[in-house]
Amino acid sequence: MCGAELQSLPDGVQRVARALEALGHPHMPVMLDDAARTAQQAADGLGIALGQIAKSIIFRRKSDDAAVLVITSGDRRVDEKKVDALVGKTGRADADFVRARTGFAIGGVSPLGHLQPPVTLIDRDLFRFEEIWAAAGHPNGVFRLRPQDLPGLTGGAPVADVAQGQG
């Protein structure tokens, strides 16, 4: 992606594109015509299964106020008790917390390119798919990847069973 192409993208998408490029990821962000604030909207816009959307959910760890990022499949719900067992007690993160820690608005949180590196967990259930799509820093921005790319893109985040009804 050249500099001129990047400059036409929203700031968050530019940050994600630079991070992807620096990590040698082969797929740059694309902008959907319609906002994809939910996993279902993103799946519909891409013509893929809901489970192929890698949702990035931010929680707030109570002990130190750290952001905890859980990347899970679009057709699954995060089991907060499983997350808490791995990283310590967490609570909901409001929109201001999410933006301050990640630099992204809810609905556009990417797995990478955060302002402050979060504690990250990757749900094993994403590995059902050969190809997935994740938010790229804006509700209209997404990028393509394989589940096995996620640990490398997130600084070595562990893969765990953190979805409801799993494990």
Protein backbone atom coordinates (compact mmCIF):
# COMPACT_ATOMS: atom_id res chain seq x y z
CA MET A 1 0.00 0.00 0.00
CA CYS A 2 1.52 3.35 -0.99
CA GLY A 3 1.56 6.48 1.16
CA ALA A 4 -1.14 8.25 -0.88
CA GLU A 5 -3.53 5.30 -0.54
CA LEU A 6 -2.94 5.22 3.21
CA GLN A 7 -3.62 8.93 3.67
CA SER A 8 -7.14 8.56 2.28
CA LEU A 9 -8.01 6.04 5.01
CA PRO A 10 -9.26 6.91 8.53
CA ASP A 11 -6.47 7.29 11.13
CA GLY A 12 -7.20 3.98 12.88
CA VAL A 13 -7.12 2.07 9.60
CA GLN A 14 -3.82 3.75 8.70
CA ARG A 15 -2.36 2.60 12.04
CA VAL A 16 -3.55 -0.98 11.44
CA ALA A 17 -2.25 -0.96 7.84
CA ARG A 18 1.19 0.21 9.02
CA ALA A 19 1.24 -2.50 11.72
CA LEU A 20 0.22 -5.20 9.22
CA GLU A 21 2.84 -4.01 6.74
CA ALA A 22 5.57 -3.94 9.41
CA LEU A 23 4.71 -7.55 10.33
CA GLY A 24 4.78 -8.66 6.68
CA HIS A 25 1.09 -9.55 6.59
CA PRO A 26 -0.01 -10.11 2.97
CA HIS A 27 -3.50 -8.56 3.26
CA MET A 28 -4.07 -4.86 3.81
CA PRO A 29 -7.32 -3.37 5.15
CA VAL A 30 -10.28 -2.85 2.87
CA MET A 31 -13.16 -0.47 3.46
CA LEU A 32 -16.70 -1.84 3.25
CA ASP A 33 -19.42 0.33 1.71
CA ASP A 34 -21.57 0.01 4.83
CA ALA A 35 -20.55 0.17 8.46
CA ALA A 36 -19.86 -3.18 10.10
CA ARG A 37 -20.31 -2.30 13.78
CA THR A 38 -21.49 -5.83 14.53
CA ALA A 39 -20.07 -9.18 13.51
CA GLN A 40 -23.28 -9.93 11.61
CA GLN A 41 -23.02 -6.68 9.60
CA ALA A 42 -19.39 -7.47 8.74
CA ALA A 43 -20.21 -11.04 7.72
CA ASP A 44 -23.11 -9.83 5.56
CA GLY A 45 -20.92 -7.19 3.93
CA LEU A 46 -18.22 -9.73 3.11
CA GLY A 47 -20.57 -12.58 2.15
CA ILE A 48 -19.04 -14.98 4.70
CA ALA A 49 -20.20 -17.02 7.68
CA LEU A 50 -20.71 -15.14 10.94
CA GLY A 51 -18.11 -17.35 12.65
CA GLN A 52 -15.44 -16.11 10.21
CA ILE A 53 -15.53 -12.66 11.80
CA ALA A 54 -12.83 -12.30 14.46
CA LYS A 55 -14.48 -10.11 17.10
CA SER A 56 -12.16 -8.03 19.27
CA ILE A 57 -13.79 -7.55 22.68
CA ILE A 58 -12.17 -5.31 25.29
CA PHE A 59 -12.56 -5.92 29.02
CA ARG A 60 -11.11 -3.92 31.91
CA ARG A 61 -8.95 -5.88 34.39
CA LYS A 62 -9.91 -4.80 37.90
CA SER A 63 -6.54 -5.30 39.63
CA ASP A 64 -4.57 -2.87 37.47
CA ASP A 65 -7.05 -1.25 35.05
CA ALA A 66 -5.35 -2.99 32.10
CA ALA A 67 -7.21 -3.51 28.84
CA VAL A 68 -7.86 -7.19 28.12
CA LEU A 69 -8.50 -8.04 24.47
CA VAL A 70 -10.36 -11.26 23.70
CA ILE A 71 -10.46 -12.22 20.03
CA THR A 72 -13.28 -14.65 19.38
CA SER A 73 -15.43 -15.97 16.58
CA GLY A 74 -18.40 -13.84 15.50
CA ASP A 75 -20.86 -16.62 16.27
CA ARG A 76 -19.61 -17.13 19.84
CA ARG A 77 -19.98 -15.23 23.12
CA VAL A 78 -17.06 -14.73 25.45
CA ASP A 79 -17.28 -16.60 28.77
CA GLU A 80 -16.05 -13.96 31.22
CA LYS A 81 -15.43 -16.58 33.93
CA LYS A 82 -12.98 -18.38 31.62
CA VAL A 83 -11.25 -15.08 30.82
CA ASP A 84 -11.06 -14.17 34.51
CA ALA A 85 -9.50 -17.56 35.32
CA LEU A 86 -6.70 -16.79 32.86
CA VAL A 87 -6.01 -13.08 33.42
CA GLY A 88 -7.66 -12.10 36.72
CA LYS A 89 -11.03 -10.51 37.49
CA THR A 90 -12.34 -8.32 34.66
CA GLY A 91 -15.29 -6.07 34.13
CA ARG A 92 -16.98 -4.26 31.29
CA ALA A 93 -15.05 -1.59 29.45
CA ASP A 94 -17.03 1.50 28.43
CA ALA A 95 -16.57 3.33 25.13
CA ASP A 96 -14.23 5.95 26.63
CA PHE A 97 -11.96 3.28 28.14
CA VAL A 98 -11.87 1.35 24.85
CA ARG A 99 -10.96 4.44 22.83
CA ALA A 100 -8.36 5.66 25.34
CA ARG A 101 -6.57 2.31 25.52
CA THR A 102 -6.90 1.09 21.95
CA GLY A 103 -7.33 4.23 19.87
CA PHE A 104 -10.36 2.61 18.25
CA ALA A 105 -14.11 3.07 18.68
CA ILE A 106 -16.21 0.08 19.69
CA GLY A 107 -17.19 -1.64 16.44
CA GLY A 108 -13.77 -0.99 14.88
CA VAL A 109 -11.36 -2.49 17.44
CA SER A 110 -8.60 -4.34 15.62
CA PRO A 111 -6.56 -7.24 17.00
CA LEU A 112 -3.42 -5.10 16.52
CA GLY A 113 -2.29 -1.49 16.30
CA HIS A 114 -3.50 -0.51 19.78
CA LEU A 115 -2.26 2.69 21.44
CA GLN A 116 -1.36 0.65 24.54
CA PRO A 117 -0.66 -3.08 24.14
CA PRO A 118 -3.48 -5.03 25.82
CA VAL A 119 -3.38 -8.37 27.59
CA THR A 120 -4.64 -10.58 24.74
CA LEU A 121 -6.34 -13.97 24.49
CA ILE A 122 -7.27 -15.69 21.22
CA ASP A 123 -10.25 -18.06 21.29
CA ARG A 124 -9.41 -21.51 19.98
CA ASP A 125 -12.78 -21.69 18.24
CA LEU A 126 -11.54 -19.35 15.48
CA PHE A 127 -9.33 -22.18 14.25
CA ARG A 128 -12.42 -23.92 12.76
CA PHE A 129 -11.91 -21.72 9.70
CA GLU A 130 -9.19 -21.46 7.07
CA GLU A 131 -9.82 -17.75 6.57
CA ILE A 132 -11.22 -15.10 8.91
CA TRP A 133 -11.70 -11.32 8.82
CA ALA A 134 -11.03 -8.81 11.58
CA ALA A 135 -11.82 -5.14 12.15
CA ALA A 136 -9.13 -2.78 10.92
CA GLY A 137 -9.55 0.22 13.19
CA HIS A 138 -12.85 1.61 11.87
CA PRO A 139 -16.43 0.27 11.64
CA ASN A 140 -16.07 0.07 7.84
CA GLY A 141 -12.52 -1.32 7.81
CA VAL A 142 -11.63 -5.03 7.79
CA PHE A 143 -8.68 -7.21 6.83
CA ARG A 144 -8.28 -10.86 5.86
CA LEU A 145 -6.13 -13.33 7.76
CA ARG A 146 -5.83 -16.93 8.86
CA PRO A 147 -6.47 -17.86 12.50
CA GLN A 148 -2.89 -19.09 12.80
CA ASP A 149 -1.69 -15.55 11.91
CA LEU A 150 -3.20 -14.11 15.11
CA PRO A 151 -0.49 -15.08 17.62
CA GLY A 152 2.18 -13.44 15.45
CA LEU A 153 0.09 -10.34 14.80
CA THR A 154 -0.64 -9.91 18.52
CA GLY A 155 2.86 -10.34 19.92
CA GLY A 156 2.50 -14.01 20.80
CA ALA A 157 -0.92 -13.96 22.47
CA PRO A 158 -1.98 -17.38 23.77
CA VAL A 159 -4.76 -19.44 22.24
CA ALA A 160 -7.32 -20.58 24.84
CA ASP A 161 -10.88 -21.81 25.19
CA VAL A 162 -12.71 -18.64 26.23
CA ALA A 163 -16.08 -18.95 24.47
CA GLN A 164 -19.29 -20.02 26.16
CA GLY A 165 -20.05 -23.70 25.75
CA GLN A 166 -16.43 -24.55 24.87
CA GLY A 167 -13.89 -26.58 26.82
